[in-house]
Amino acid sequence: MYSIDQLQDLINKQIAEKQYPDTPSELYEPIQYIMSLGGKRMRPALVLMACDLFGGSVMKALDPAVGIEIFHNFTLVHDDIMDKAPLRRGKQTVHVKWNENVAILAGDVMLVEAYKLLTRVDDNILRSALDVFSTTAAGVCEGQQIDMNFELSNGVDISGYLEMIRLKTAVLLGGSLKIGALIGNAPEEYADYLYKFGENLGIAFQLQDDILDVYGDPEKFGKQVGGDILSNKKTFLLVKALEIAEGIDKEELNYWLSSESAEAETKVQSVTQIYNRLGVRQLAEHQMSQFAEKALSALAKIDIPSERKDTLRSFAERLLIREN
C-alpha cells in the first residue's frame, strides 16, 4: 500500500513531466501555468488510493488521475472568470495574466485533455469510467450554476444549500474514488460505497470550509477570515442564521446584508457576533460531523481487511482536521 505523500509525489511528477504542444503558445502556456501552481492534489490522490485499495496498479491509474486534476483546474479557471478573482494560490489568475478569451479557450482544451487521459483505462471499464466522469463533470457545472443562482435568491434553505455543495464540491471526490475503484477492478457494490464515502466526505469538507472562513486562523487556514461575510456569500452559517434569527438578531443581520458602505472589519465582527448568539457554528459543526460519520460508515461496508483502509481513513482525518 502506498502512503498519501507517495501518491501525491507520483501525481506531481506526472504533471510536471507532461508535455503540451508549443503552438499556439497562447493556448497551452496558460494550461502549463495553472497546473504548475500546485494544490493539494487530493482528487487525483483519491483515484490512486481507491485503485490501490483493491490491489490494482497505481501506475495504470496515474493518467486518469491526472485527467481528474486537469478537469478540477479547468473548473477553477472558469470559476475565476465568473468570480472576477484576481488571484489563485497567491498568483495571478489566468484571465488576469492573459485575458478572458484566452482563459475560456484554455479551459476548454483542459476539459478535452481530461477526457483524453480518462480514456487510458482498460477497454473493459472504459464505458463505465467515462459514464462516471461525465455524470460527475455535469454535476460540478450544475452546482456552480446553483451557487450563482443563490447570489440572487433570498429563498435558499439548508437542504438546497447542502445539495449545491454536494454537486459543486462533493461529487468530484466521489467520482474520483469510484473511477479509481473501477480501475482496481473493485466489485460494483464496493465502488458505490467508495463513491458515498467521497461524497459525504466532500460535504463535510465544505461545511468545515464555511466554518473556517469565519472562525479560522488566517495564517494557518491560508485565507482571509470573513471573506464570505463581506461578500454576503450563502454559506451554511448564513443560511441557518437567516432561518432561525428573530427580533433584533434578524433585523441586525438584514441590515449588514443590505449595507453597501459598511467598514469591512466592523461588518465581519458584527455578523460573527450574531452567529455566536445564534449558535450557528455549533450547528454547522454538528452537521459536518454527521456527514463525516456517513462517510466512514460507507467505508466500513467494504468487506476487505481494515488495515487496507487506513490510508483512506488518514486522508479523511487530514482533510477534516484543519487548523482553526
C-alpha atoms as a PDB file:
ATOM      1  CA  MET A   1       0.000   0.000   0.000  1.00  0.00           C
ATOM      2  CA  TYR A   2       1.196   3.497  -0.860  1.00  0.00           C
ATOM      3  CA  SER A   3       1.125   6.413   1.586  1.00  0.00           C
ATOM      4  CA  ILE A   4      -0.761   9.607   0.731  1.00  0.00           C
ATOM      5  CA  ASP A   5       2.528  11.507   0.358  1.00  0.00           C
ATOM      6  CA  GLN A   6       3.920   8.877  -2.031  1.00  0.00           C
ATOM      7  CA  LEU A   7       0.810   9.114  -4.211  1.00  0.00           C
ATOM      8  CA  GLN A   8       0.910  12.915  -4.255  1.00  0.00           C
ATOM      9  CA  ASP A   9       4.596  12.769  -5.264  1.00  0.00           C
ATOM     10  CA  LEU A  10       3.716  10.450  -8.171  1.00  0.00           C
ATOM     11  CA  ILE A  11       0.981  12.844  -9.310  1.00  0.00           C
ATOM     12  CA  ASN A  12       3.169  15.945  -9.051  1.00  0.00           C
ATOM     13  CA  LYS A  13       5.931  14.244 -11.025  1.00  0.00           C
ATOM     14  CA  GLN A  14       3.495  13.163 -13.750  1.00  0.00           C
ATOM     15  CA  ILE A  15       2.032  16.666 -14.000  1.00  0.00           C
ATOM     16  CA  ALA A  16       5.499  18.275 -14.120  1.00  0.00           C
ATOM     17  CA  GLU A  17       6.628  15.935 -16.907  1.00  0.00           C
ATOM     18  CA  LYS A  18       3.501  16.321 -19.033  1.00  0.00           C
ATOM     19  CA  GLN A  19       4.248  17.890 -22.411  1.00  0.00           C
ATOM     20  CA  TYR A  20       1.906  20.209 -24.294  1.00  0.00           C
ATOM     21  CA  PRO A  21       2.279  21.449 -27.890  1.00  0.00           C
ATOM     22  CA  ASP A  22       4.426  24.546 -28.385  1.00  0.00           C
ATOM     23  CA  THR A  23       1.890  26.322 -30.563  1.00  0.00           C
ATOM     24  CA  PRO A  24      -0.291  28.196 -30.283  1.00  0.00           C
ATOM     25  CA  SER A  25       1.548  29.259 -27.156  1.00  0.00           C
ATOM     26  CA  GLU A  26      -1.382  31.451 -26.040  1.00  0.00           C
ATOM     27  CA  LEU A  27      -3.464  28.281 -25.741  1.00  0.00           C
ATOM     28  CA  TYR A  28      -1.038  25.935 -23.999  1.00  0.00           C
ATOM     29  CA  GLU A  29       1.067  28.238 -21.805  1.00  0.00           C
ATOM     30  CA  PRO A  30      -1.941  29.107 -19.605  1.00  0.00           C
ATOM     31  CA  ILE A  31      -2.581  25.392 -19.062  1.00  0.00           C
ATOM     32  CA  GLN A  32       1.022  24.751 -18.030  1.00  0.00           C
ATOM     33  CA  TYR A  33       0.826  27.842 -15.827  1.00  0.00           C
ATOM     34  CA  ILE A  34      -2.314  26.869 -13.878  1.00  0.00           C
ATOM     35  CA  MET A  35      -1.146  23.266 -13.494  1.00  0.00           C
ATOM     36  CA  SER A  36       2.205  24.465 -12.105  1.00  0.00           C
ATOM     37  CA  LEU A  37       0.588  26.408  -9.262  1.00  0.00           C
ATOM     38  CA  GLY A  38       0.312  23.285  -7.148  1.00  0.00           C
ATOM     39  CA  GLY A  39      -2.507  22.499  -4.774  1.00  0.00           C
ATOM     40  CA  LYS A  40      -3.361  19.566  -2.533  1.00  0.00           C
ATOM     41  CA  ARG A  41      -3.884  17.167  -5.486  1.00  0.00           C
ATOM     42  CA  MET A  42      -6.452  15.416  -3.304  1.00  0.00           C
ATOM     43  CA  ARG A  43      -8.785  14.385  -6.121  1.00  0.00           C
ATOM     44  CA  PRO A  44      -6.172  12.530  -8.180  1.00  0.00           C
ATOM     45  CA  ALA A  45      -4.779  11.077  -4.956  1.00  0.00           C
ATOM     46  CA  LEU A  46      -8.231   9.616  -4.295  1.00  0.00           C
ATOM     47  CA  VAL A  47      -8.186   7.921  -7.701  1.00  0.00           C
ATOM     48  CA  LEU A  48      -4.883   6.252  -6.836  1.00  0.00           C
ATOM     49  CA  MET A  49      -5.926   5.400  -3.271  1.00  0.00           C
ATOM     50  CA  ALA A  50      -9.092   3.689  -4.467  1.00  0.00           C
ATOM     51  CA  CYS A  51      -7.200   1.695  -7.087  1.00  0.00           C
ATOM     52  CA  ASP A  52      -4.554   0.699  -4.547  1.00  0.00           C
ATOM     53  CA  LEU A  53      -7.237  -0.296  -2.041  1.00  0.00           C
ATOM     54  CA  PHE A  54      -8.297  -3.168  -4.286  1.00  0.00           C
ATOM     55  CA  GLY A  55      -4.798  -4.199  -5.307  1.00  0.00           C
ATOM     56  CA  GLY A  56      -4.885  -2.502  -8.708  1.00  0.00           C
ATOM     57  CA  SER A  57      -1.885  -0.980 -10.473  1.00  0.00           C
ATOM     58  CA  VAL A  58      -1.405   2.598  -9.330  1.00  0.00           C
ATOM     59  CA  MET A  59       0.684   3.285 -12.433  1.00  0.00           C
ATOM     60  CA  LYS A  60      -2.243   2.267 -14.651  1.00  0.00           C
ATOM     61  CA  ALA A  61      -4.425   4.741 -12.752  1.00  0.00           C
ATOM     62  CA  LEU A  62      -1.950   7.624 -13.000  1.00  0.00           C
ATOM     63  CA  ASP A  63      -3.095   9.098 -16.345  1.00  0.00           C
ATOM     64  CA  PRO A  64      -6.802   9.062 -15.390  1.00  0.00           C
ATOM     65  CA  ALA A  65      -5.871  10.599 -12.025  1.00  0.00           C
ATOM     66  CA  VAL A  66      -4.039  13.456 -13.755  1.00  0.00           C
ATOM     67  CA  GLY A  67      -7.079  13.821 -16.020  1.00  0.00           C
ATOM     68  CA  ILE A  68      -9.223  14.378 -12.924  1.00  0.00           C
ATOM     69  CA  GLU A  69      -6.780  17.025 -11.690  1.00  0.00           C
ATOM     70  CA  ILE A  70      -6.780  18.798 -15.063  1.00  0.00           C
ATOM     71  CA  PHE A  71     -10.584  18.796 -15.014  1.00  0.00           C
ATOM     72  CA  HIS A  72     -10.571  20.268 -11.488  1.00  0.00           C
ATOM     73  CA  ASN A  73      -8.210  23.035 -12.596  1.00  0.00           C
ATOM     74  CA  PHE A  74     -10.363  23.661 -15.679  1.00  0.00           C
ATOM     75  CA  THR A  75     -13.282  24.414 -13.330  1.00  0.00           C
ATOM     76  CA  LEU A  76     -11.047  26.786 -11.341  1.00  0.00           C
ATOM     77  CA  VAL A  77     -10.025  28.703 -14.479  1.00  0.00           C
ATOM     78  CA  HIS A  78     -13.647  29.240 -15.476  1.00  0.00           C
ATOM     79  CA  ASP A  79     -14.811  29.899 -11.891  1.00  0.00           C
ATOM     80  CA  ASP A  80     -12.156  32.613 -11.544  1.00  0.00           C
ATOM     81  CA  ILE A  81     -13.541  34.340 -14.634  1.00  0.00           C
ATOM     82  CA  MET A  82     -17.094  34.224 -13.250  1.00  0.00           C
ATOM     83  CA  ASP A  83     -15.940  35.415  -9.818  1.00  0.00           C
ATOM     84  CA  LYS A  84     -13.624  38.067 -11.310  1.00  0.00           C
ATOM     85  CA  ALA A  85     -10.950  36.667  -8.984  1.00  0.00           C
ATOM     86  CA  PRO A  86      -7.512  38.328  -9.306  1.00  0.00           C
ATOM     87  CA  LEU A  87      -5.505  35.609  -7.542  1.00  0.00           C
ATOM     88  CA  ARG A  88      -5.354  31.822  -7.431  1.00  0.00           C
ATOM     89  CA  ARG A  89      -2.974  30.242  -4.896  1.00  0.00           C
ATOM     90  CA  GLY A  90      -1.303  33.610  -4.458  1.00  0.00           C
ATOM     91  CA  LYS A  91      -0.596  34.079  -8.188  1.00  0.00           C
ATOM     92  CA  GLN A  92      -2.412  35.934 -10.955  1.00  0.00           C
ATOM     93  CA  THR A  93      -5.417  34.082 -12.310  1.00  0.00           C
ATOM     94  CA  VAL A  94      -5.262  33.000 -15.958  1.00  0.00           C
ATOM     95  CA  HIS A  95      -7.773  35.584 -17.164  1.00  0.00           C
ATOM     96  CA  VAL A  96      -5.791  38.368 -15.452  1.00  0.00           C
ATOM     97  CA  LYS A  97      -2.365  37.189 -16.651  1.00  0.00           C
ATOM     98  CA  TRP A  98      -3.661  36.759 -20.223  1.00  0.00           C
ATOM     99  CA  ASN A  99      -7.302  37.706 -20.848  1.00  0.00           C
ATOM    100  CA  GLU A 100     -10.785  36.219 -20.532  1.00  0.00           C
ATOM    101  CA  ASN A 101     -10.927  34.821 -24.056  1.00  0.00           C
ATOM    102  CA  VAL A 102      -7.623  33.015 -23.605  1.00  0.00           C
ATOM    103  CA  ALA A 103      -8.780  31.650 -20.234  1.00  0.00           C
ATOM    104  CA  ILE A 104     -12.060  30.354 -21.675  1.00  0.00           C
ATOM    105  CA  LEU A 105     -10.361  28.612 -24.576  1.00  0.00           C
ATOM    106  CA  ALA A 106      -7.551  27.194 -22.439  1.00  0.00           C
ATOM    107  CA  GLY A 107     -10.184  25.824 -20.075  1.00  0.00           C
ATOM    108  CA  ASP A 108     -12.000  24.199 -22.985  1.00  0.00           C
ATOM    109  CA  VAL A 109      -8.816  22.411 -24.042  1.00  0.00           C
ATOM    110  CA  MET A 110      -8.254  21.286 -20.449  1.00  0.00           C
ATOM    111  CA  LEU A 111     -11.647  19.589 -20.479  1.00  0.00           C
ATOM    112  CA  VAL A 112     -10.734  17.821 -23.733  1.00  0.00           C
ATOM    113  CA  GLU A 113      -7.382  16.789 -22.252  1.00  0.00           C
ATOM    114  CA  ALA A 114      -9.126  15.397 -19.179  1.00  0.00           C
ATOM    115  CA  TYR A 115     -11.281  13.164 -21.367  1.00  0.00           C
ATOM    116  CA  LYS A 116      -8.231  12.038 -23.357  1.00  0.00           C
ATOM    117  CA  LEU A 117      -6.485  10.929 -20.185  1.00  0.00           C
ATOM    118  CA  LEU A 118      -9.613   9.236 -18.832  1.00  0.00           C
ATOM    119  CA  THR A 119      -9.768   7.050 -21.956  1.00  0.00           C
ATOM    120  CA  ARG A 120      -6.428   5.478 -20.976  1.00  0.00           C
ATOM    121  CA  VAL A 121      -8.151   2.822 -18.898  1.00  0.00           C
ATOM    122  CA  ASP A 122      -8.650  -0.799 -19.868  1.00  0.00           C
ATOM    123  CA  ASP A 123     -11.266  -1.282 -22.568  1.00  0.00           C
ATOM    124  CA  ASN A 124     -13.454  -3.419 -20.315  1.00  0.00           C
ATOM    125  CA  ILE A 125     -14.105  -0.468 -17.954  1.00  0.00           C
ATOM    126  CA  LEU A 126     -13.864   2.399 -20.461  1.00  0.00           C
ATOM    127  CA  ARG A 127     -17.615   2.980 -20.800  1.00  0.00           C
ATOM    128  CA  SER A 128     -18.187   2.775 -17.038  1.00  0.00           C
ATOM    129  CA  ALA A 129     -15.316   5.131 -16.229  1.00  0.00           C
ATOM    130  CA  LEU A 130     -16.432   7.698 -18.812  1.00  0.00           C
ATOM    131  CA  ASP A 131     -20.025   7.469 -17.604  1.00  0.00           C
ATOM    132  CA  VAL A 132     -18.922   8.229 -14.047  1.00  0.00           C
ATOM    133  CA  PHE A 133     -16.709  11.090 -15.211  1.00  0.00           C
ATOM    134  CA  SER A 134     -19.356  12.629 -17.466  1.00  0.00           C
ATOM    135  CA  THR A 135     -22.028  12.486 -14.764  1.00  0.00           C
ATOM    136  CA  THR A 136     -19.587  13.960 -12.265  1.00  0.00           C
ATOM    137  CA  ALA A 137     -18.477  16.757 -14.599  1.00  0.00           C
ATOM    138  CA  ALA A 138     -22.069  17.745 -15.365  1.00  0.00           C
ATOM    139  CA  GLY A 139     -22.849  17.719 -11.641  1.00  0.00           C
ATOM    140  CA  VAL A 140     -19.991  20.117 -10.881  1.00  0.00           C
ATOM    141  CA  CYS A 141     -21.312  22.546 -13.517  1.00  0.00           C
ATOM    142  CA  GLU A 142     -24.838  22.222 -12.133  1.00  0.00           C
ATOM    143  CA  GLY A 143     -23.532  23.006  -8.658  1.00  0.00           C
ATOM    144  CA  GLN A 144     -21.734  26.105  -9.910  1.00  0.00           C
ATOM    145  CA  GLN A 145     -24.892  27.360 -11.625  1.00  0.00           C
ATOM    146  CA  ILE A 146     -26.986  26.761  -8.499  1.00  0.00           C
ATOM    147  CA  ASP A 147     -24.380  28.619  -6.442  1.00  0.00           C
ATOM    148  CA  MET A 148     -24.626  31.578  -8.833  1.00  0.00           C
ATOM    149  CA  ASN A 149     -28.421  31.408  -8.612  1.00  0.00           C
ATOM    150  CA  PHE A 150     -28.125  31.625  -4.830  1.00  0.00           C
ATOM    151  CA  GLU A 151     -26.438  35.022  -5.159  1.00  0.00           C
ATOM    152  CA  LEU A 152     -29.723  36.462  -6.444  1.00  0.00           C
ATOM    153  CA  SER A 153     -32.076  34.472  -4.227  1.00  0.00           C
ATOM    154  CA  ASN A 154     -33.436  35.197  -0.772  1.00  0.00           C
ATOM    155  CA  GLY A 155     -35.135  31.821  -0.516  1.00  0.00           C
ATOM    156  CA  VAL A 156     -32.163  29.496  -0.014  1.00  0.00           C
ATOM    157  CA  ASP A 157     -32.782  26.806   2.609  1.00  0.00           C
ATOM    158  CA  ILE A 158     -30.424  24.302   4.230  1.00  0.00           C
ATOM    159  CA  SER A 159     -31.484  21.348   2.069  1.00  0.00           C
ATOM    160  CA  GLY A 160     -30.916  23.419  -1.081  1.00  0.00           C
ATOM    161  CA  TYR A 161     -27.542  24.560   0.197  1.00  0.00           C
ATOM    162  CA  LEU A 162     -26.424  21.026   1.002  1.00  0.00           C
ATOM    163  CA  GLU A 163     -27.481  19.867  -2.462  1.00  0.00           C
ATOM    164  CA  MET A 164     -25.483  22.700  -4.034  1.00  0.00           C
ATOM    165  CA  ILE A 165     -22.270  21.788  -2.205  1.00  0.00           C
ATOM    166  CA  ARG A 166     -22.872  18.105  -2.922  1.00  0.00           C
ATOM    167  CA  LEU A 167     -22.807  18.909  -6.623  1.00  0.00           C
ATOM    168  CA  LYS A 168     -20.204  21.665  -6.706  1.00  0.00           C
ATOM    169  CA  THR A 169     -17.653  20.052  -4.381  1.00  0.00           C
ATOM    170  CA  ALA A 170     -18.533  16.563  -3.208  1.00  0.00           C
ATOM    171  CA  VAL A 171     -19.406  14.636  -6.366  1.00  0.00           C
ATOM    172  CA  LEU A 172     -15.879  15.117  -7.728  1.00  0.00           C
ATOM    173  CA  LEU A 173     -14.424  13.419  -4.649  1.00  0.00           C
ATOM    174  CA  GLY A 174     -16.928  10.593  -5.001  1.00  0.00           C
ATOM    175  CA  GLY A 175     -16.360  10.296  -8.738  1.00  0.00           C
ATOM    176  CA  SER A 176     -12.572  10.227  -8.288  1.00  0.00           C
ATOM    177  CA  LEU A 177     -12.850   7.338  -5.846  1.00  0.00           C
ATOM    178  CA  LYS A 178     -15.297   5.388  -7.996  1.00  0.00           C
ATOM    179  CA  ILE A 179     -13.123   5.715 -11.108  1.00  0.00           C
ATOM    180  CA  GLY A 180     -10.097   4.542  -9.114  1.00  0.00           C
ATOM    181  CA  ALA A 181     -12.104   1.605  -7.775  1.00  0.00           C
ATOM    182  CA  LEU A 182     -13.146   0.625 -11.311  1.00  0.00           C
ATOM    183  CA  ILE A 183      -9.513   0.714 -12.454  1.00  0.00           C
ATOM    184  CA  GLY A 184      -8.664  -1.508  -9.479  1.00  0.00           C
ATOM    185  CA  ASN A 185     -11.371  -3.987 -10.592  1.00  0.00           C
ATOM    186  CA  ALA A 186     -13.468  -3.479  -7.464  1.00  0.00           C
ATOM    187  CA  PRO A 187     -16.921  -5.081  -7.288  1.00  0.00           C
ATOM    188  CA  GLU A 188     -19.559  -2.541  -8.347  1.00  0.00           C
ATOM    189  CA  GLU A 189     -21.119  -2.555  -4.871  1.00  0.00           C
ATOM    190  CA  TYR A 190     -17.798  -1.590  -3.289  1.00  0.00           C
ATOM    191  CA  ALA A 191     -17.170   1.089  -5.915  1.00  0.00           C
ATOM    192  CA  ASP A 192     -20.549   2.590  -4.998  1.00  0.00           C
ATOM    193  CA  TYR A 193     -19.683   2.538  -1.285  1.00  0.00           C
ATOM    194  CA  LEU A 194     -16.465   4.387  -2.062  1.00  0.00           C
ATOM    195  CA  TYR A 195     -18.450   6.961  -4.032  1.00  0.00           C
ATOM    196  CA  LYS A 196     -20.672   7.524  -0.988  1.00  0.00           C
ATOM    197  CA  PHE A 197     -17.588   7.799   1.212  1.00  0.00           C
ATOM    198  CA  GLY A 198     -16.170  10.535  -1.021  1.00  0.00           C
ATOM    199  CA  GLU A 199     -19.463  12.355  -1.492  1.00  0.00           C
ATOM    200  CA  ASN A 200     -20.212  12.599   2.231  1.00  0.00           C
ATOM    201  CA  LEU A 201     -16.598  13.486   2.996  1.00  0.00           C
ATOM    202  CA  GLY A 202     -16.780  16.277   0.414  1.00  0.00           C
ATOM    203  CA  ILE A 203     -19.907  17.763   2.012  1.00  0.00           C
ATOM    204  CA  ALA A 204     -18.255  17.626   5.444  1.00  0.00           C
ATOM    205  CA  PHE A 205     -15.153  19.297   3.975  1.00  0.00           C
ATOM    206  CA  GLN A 206     -17.173  22.192   2.529  1.00  0.00           C
ATOM    207  CA  LEU A 207     -19.072  22.694   5.775  1.00  0.00           C
ATOM    208  CA  GLN A 208     -15.757  22.898   7.569  1.00  0.00           C
ATOM    209  CA  ASP A 209     -14.609  25.424   4.973  1.00  0.00           C
ATOM    210  CA  ASP A 210     -17.655  27.561   5.797  1.00  0.00           C
ATOM    211  CA  ILE A 211     -16.770  27.424   9.497  1.00  0.00           C
ATOM    212  CA  LEU A 212     -13.083  28.211   8.996  1.00  0.00           C
ATOM    213  CA  ASP A 213     -13.864  31.201   6.788  1.00  0.00           C
ATOM    214  CA  VAL A 214     -15.362  32.865   9.853  1.00  0.00           C
ATOM    215  CA  TYR A 215     -13.559  31.216  12.754  1.00  0.00           C
ATOM    216  CA  GLY A 216     -10.254  30.054  11.271  1.00  0.00           C
ATOM    217  CA  ASP A 217      -6.782  31.393  11.911  1.00  0.00           C
ATOM    218  CA  PRO A 218      -5.946  33.219   8.639  1.00  0.00           C
ATOM    219  CA  GLU A 219      -2.243  32.323   8.874  1.00  0.00           C
ATOM    220  CA  LYS A 220      -2.964  28.624   9.322  1.00  0.00           C
ATOM    221  CA  PHE A 221      -6.037  28.472   7.079  1.00  0.00           C
ATOM    222  CA  GLY A 222      -4.449  30.480   4.263  1.00  0.00           C
ATOM    223  CA  LYS A 223      -7.493  32.635   3.549  1.00  0.00           C
ATOM    224  CA  GLN A 224      -8.911  35.972   4.607  1.00  0.00           C
ATOM    225  CA  VAL A 225     -11.150  35.448   7.617  1.00  0.00           C
ATOM    226  CA  GLY A 226     -14.639  36.786   6.992  1.00  0.00           C
ATOM    227  CA  GLY A 227     -14.407  36.820   3.216  1.00  0.00           C
ATOM    228  CA  ASP A 228     -17.742  35.046   2.914  1.00  0.00           C
ATOM    229  CA  ILE A 229     -19.356  37.569   5.259  1.00  0.00           C
ATOM    230  CA  LEU A 230     -18.038  40.523   3.258  1.00  0.00           C
ATOM    231  CA  SER A 231     -19.409  39.107   0.004  1.00  0.00           C
ATOM    232  CA  ASN A 232     -22.740  38.007   1.558  1.00  0.00           C
ATOM    233  CA  LYS A 233     -21.960  34.511   0.289  1.00  0.00           C
ATOM    234  CA  LYS A 234     -24.612  31.927   1.026  1.00  0.00           C
ATOM    235  CA  THR A 235     -22.862  29.525   3.395  1.00  0.00           C
ATOM    236  CA  PHE A 236     -24.324  27.084   5.897  1.00  0.00           C
ATOM    237  CA  LEU A 237     -23.746  29.673   8.646  1.00  0.00           C
ATOM    238  CA  LEU A 238     -25.592  32.463   6.846  1.00  0.00           C
ATOM    239  CA  VAL A 239     -28.439  30.285   5.562  1.00  0.00           C
ATOM    240  CA  LYS A 240     -29.004  28.802   9.032  1.00  0.00           C
ATOM    241  CA  ALA A 241     -28.769  32.224  10.678  1.00  0.00           C
ATOM    242  CA  LEU A 242     -31.401  33.633   8.320  1.00  0.00           C
ATOM    243  CA  GLU A 243     -33.575  30.613   9.065  1.00  0.00           C
ATOM    244  CA  ILE A 244     -33.517  30.885  12.875  1.00  0.00           C
ATOM    245  CA  ALA A 245     -32.871  34.597  13.592  1.00  0.00           C
ATOM    246  CA  GLU A 246     -35.686  36.528  15.203  1.00  0.00           C
ATOM    247  CA  GLY A 247     -36.236  40.009  16.554  1.00  0.00           C
ATOM    248  CA  ILE A 248     -33.150  42.203  16.869  1.00  0.00           C
ATOM    249  CA  ASP A 249     -30.837  39.492  15.531  1.00  0.00           C
ATOM    250  CA  LYS A 250     -32.852  39.222  12.324  1.00  0.00           C
ATOM    251  CA  GLU A 251     -33.082  42.983  11.978  1.00  0.00           C
ATOM    252  CA  GLU A 252     -29.364  43.447  12.516  1.00  0.00           C
ATOM    253  CA  LEU A 253     -28.407  40.605  10.152  1.00  0.00           C
ATOM    254  CA  ASN A 254     -30.572  42.036   7.370  1.00  0.00           C
ATOM    255  CA  TYR A 255     -29.008  45.443   7.955  1.00  0.00           C
ATOM    256  CA  TRP A 256     -25.490  44.117   7.408  1.00  0.00           C
ATOM    257  CA  LEU A 257     -26.560  42.112   4.355  1.00  0.00           C
ATOM    258  CA  SER A 258     -28.054  45.194   2.706  1.00  0.00           C
ATOM    259  CA  SER A 259     -25.374  47.684   3.765  1.00  0.00           C
ATOM    260  CA  GLU A 260     -23.168  48.782   0.862  1.00  0.00           C
ATOM    261  CA  SER A 261     -20.934  51.184   2.752  1.00  0.00           C
ATOM    262  CA  ALA A 262     -20.093  49.209   5.899  1.00  0.00           C
ATOM    263  CA  GLU A 263     -16.494  49.156   7.063  1.00  0.00           C
ATOM    264  CA  ALA A 264     -15.170  45.651   6.412  1.00  0.00           C
ATOM    265  CA  GLU A 265     -13.825  44.810   9.861  1.00  0.00           C
ATOM    266  CA  THR A 266     -16.944  46.140  11.568  1.00  0.00           C
ATOM    267  CA  LYS A 267     -19.220  44.077   9.330  1.00  0.00           C
ATOM    268  CA  VAL A 268     -17.238  40.880   9.916  1.00  0.00           C
ATOM    269  CA  GLN A 269     -17.197  41.392  13.684  1.00  0.00           C
ATOM    270  CA  SER A 270     -20.891  42.299  13.857  1.00  0.00           C
ATOM    271  CA  VAL A 271     -22.100  39.352  11.763  1.00  0.00           C
ATOM    272  CA  THR A 272     -19.797  36.995  13.670  1.00  0.00           C
ATOM    273  CA  GLN A 273     -21.350  38.185  16.936  1.00  0.00           C
ATOM    274  CA  ILE A 274     -24.810  37.409  15.527  1.00  0.00           C
ATOM    275  CA  TYR A 275     -23.604  33.933  14.554  1.00  0.00           C
ATOM    276  CA  ASN A 276     -22.250  33.470  18.084  1.00  0.00           C
ATOM    277  CA  ARG A 277     -25.556  34.451  19.679  1.00  0.00           C
ATOM    278  CA  LEU A 278     -27.483  32.106  17.389  1.00  0.00           C
ATOM    279  CA  GLY A 279     -25.054  29.206  17.874  1.00  0.00           C
ATOM    280  CA  VAL A 280     -24.766  28.530  14.143  1.00  0.00           C
ATOM    281  CA  ARG A 281     -21.127  27.478  14.426  1.00  0.00           C
ATOM    282  CA  GLN A 282     -22.132  24.585  16.678  1.00  0.00           C
ATOM    283  CA  LEU A 283     -24.997  23.675  14.334  1.00  0.00           C
ATOM    284  CA  ALA A 284     -22.579  23.642  11.380  1.00  0.00           C
ATOM    285  CA  GLU A 285     -20.076  21.517  13.301  1.00  0.00           C
ATOM    286  CA  HIS A 286     -22.814  19.040  14.193  1.00  0.00           C
ATOM    287  CA  GLN A 287     -23.908  18.805  10.558  1.00  0.00           C
ATOM    288  CA  MET A 288     -20.280  18.374   9.482  1.00  0.00           C
ATOM    289  CA  SER A 289     -19.806  15.540  11.968  1.00  0.00           C
ATOM    290  CA  GLN A 290     -22.927  13.791  10.692  1.00  0.00           C
ATOM    291  CA  PHE A 291     -21.625  13.760   7.129  1.00  0.00           C
ATOM    292  CA  ALA A 292     -18.176  12.621   8.290  1.00  0.00           C
ATOM    293  CA  GLU A 293     -19.839   9.732  10.137  1.00  0.00           C
ATOM    294  CA  LYS A 294     -21.839   8.842   6.997  1.00  0.00           C
ATOM    295  CA  ALA A 295     -18.596   8.773   5.030  1.00  0.00           C
ATOM    296  CA  LEU A 296     -16.853   6.443   7.463  1.00  0.00           C
ATOM    297  CA  SER A 297     -19.946   4.247   7.668  1.00  0.00           C
ATOM    298  CA  ALA A 298     -19.878   3.761   3.883  1.00  0.00           C
ATOM    299  CA  LEU A 299     -16.168   2.906   4.016  1.00  0.00           C
ATOM    300  CA  ALA A 300     -16.826   0.364   6.766  1.00  0.00           C
ATOM    301  CA  LYS A 301     -19.242  -1.538   4.487  1.00  0.00           C
ATOM    302  CA  ILE A 302     -16.399  -2.509   2.154  1.00  0.00           C
ATOM    303  CA  ASP A 303     -15.516  -6.014   3.253  1.00  0.00           C
ATOM    304  CA  ILE A 304     -11.750  -6.041   2.985  1.00  0.00           C
ATOM    305  CA  PRO A 305      -9.108  -6.107   5.756  1.00  0.00           C
ATOM    306  CA  SER A 306      -9.439  -2.983   7.870  1.00  0.00           C
ATOM    307  CA  GLU A 307      -5.749  -2.100   7.636  1.00  0.00           C
ATOM    308  CA  ARG A 308      -6.069  -1.716   3.852  1.00  0.00           C
ATOM    309  CA  LYS A 309      -8.469   1.162   4.503  1.00  0.00           C
ATOM    310  CA  ASP A 310      -6.083   3.017   6.807  1.00  0.00           C
ATOM    311  CA  THR A 311      -4.829   5.332   4.056  1.00  0.00           C
ATOM    312  CA  LEU A 312      -8.360   6.495   3.227  1.00  0.00           C
ATOM    313  CA  ARG A 313      -9.166   6.975   6.899  1.00  0.00           C
ATOM    314  CA  SER A 314      -5.963   9.001   7.287  1.00  0.00           C
ATOM    315  CA  PHE A 315      -6.935  11.070   4.276  1.00  0.00           C
ATOM    316  CA  ALA A 316     -10.329  11.824   5.834  1.00  0.00           C
ATOM    317  CA  GLU A 317      -8.680  12.869   9.072  1.00  0.00           C
ATOM    318  CA  ARG A 318      -6.164  15.064   7.264  1.00  0.00           C
ATOM    319  CA  LEU A 319      -8.961  16.695   5.284  1.00  0.00           C
ATOM    320  CA  LEU A 320     -11.237  17.380   8.240  1.00  0.00           C
ATOM    321  CA  ILE A 321      -8.758  18.201  10.979  1.00  0.00           C
ATOM    322  CA  ARG A 322      -7.502  21.536   9.756  1.00  0.00           C
ATOM    323  CA  GLU A 323      -6.216  24.398  11.872  1.00  0.00           C
ATOM    324  CA  ASN A 324      -8.827  26.737  13.300  1.00  0.00           C
END
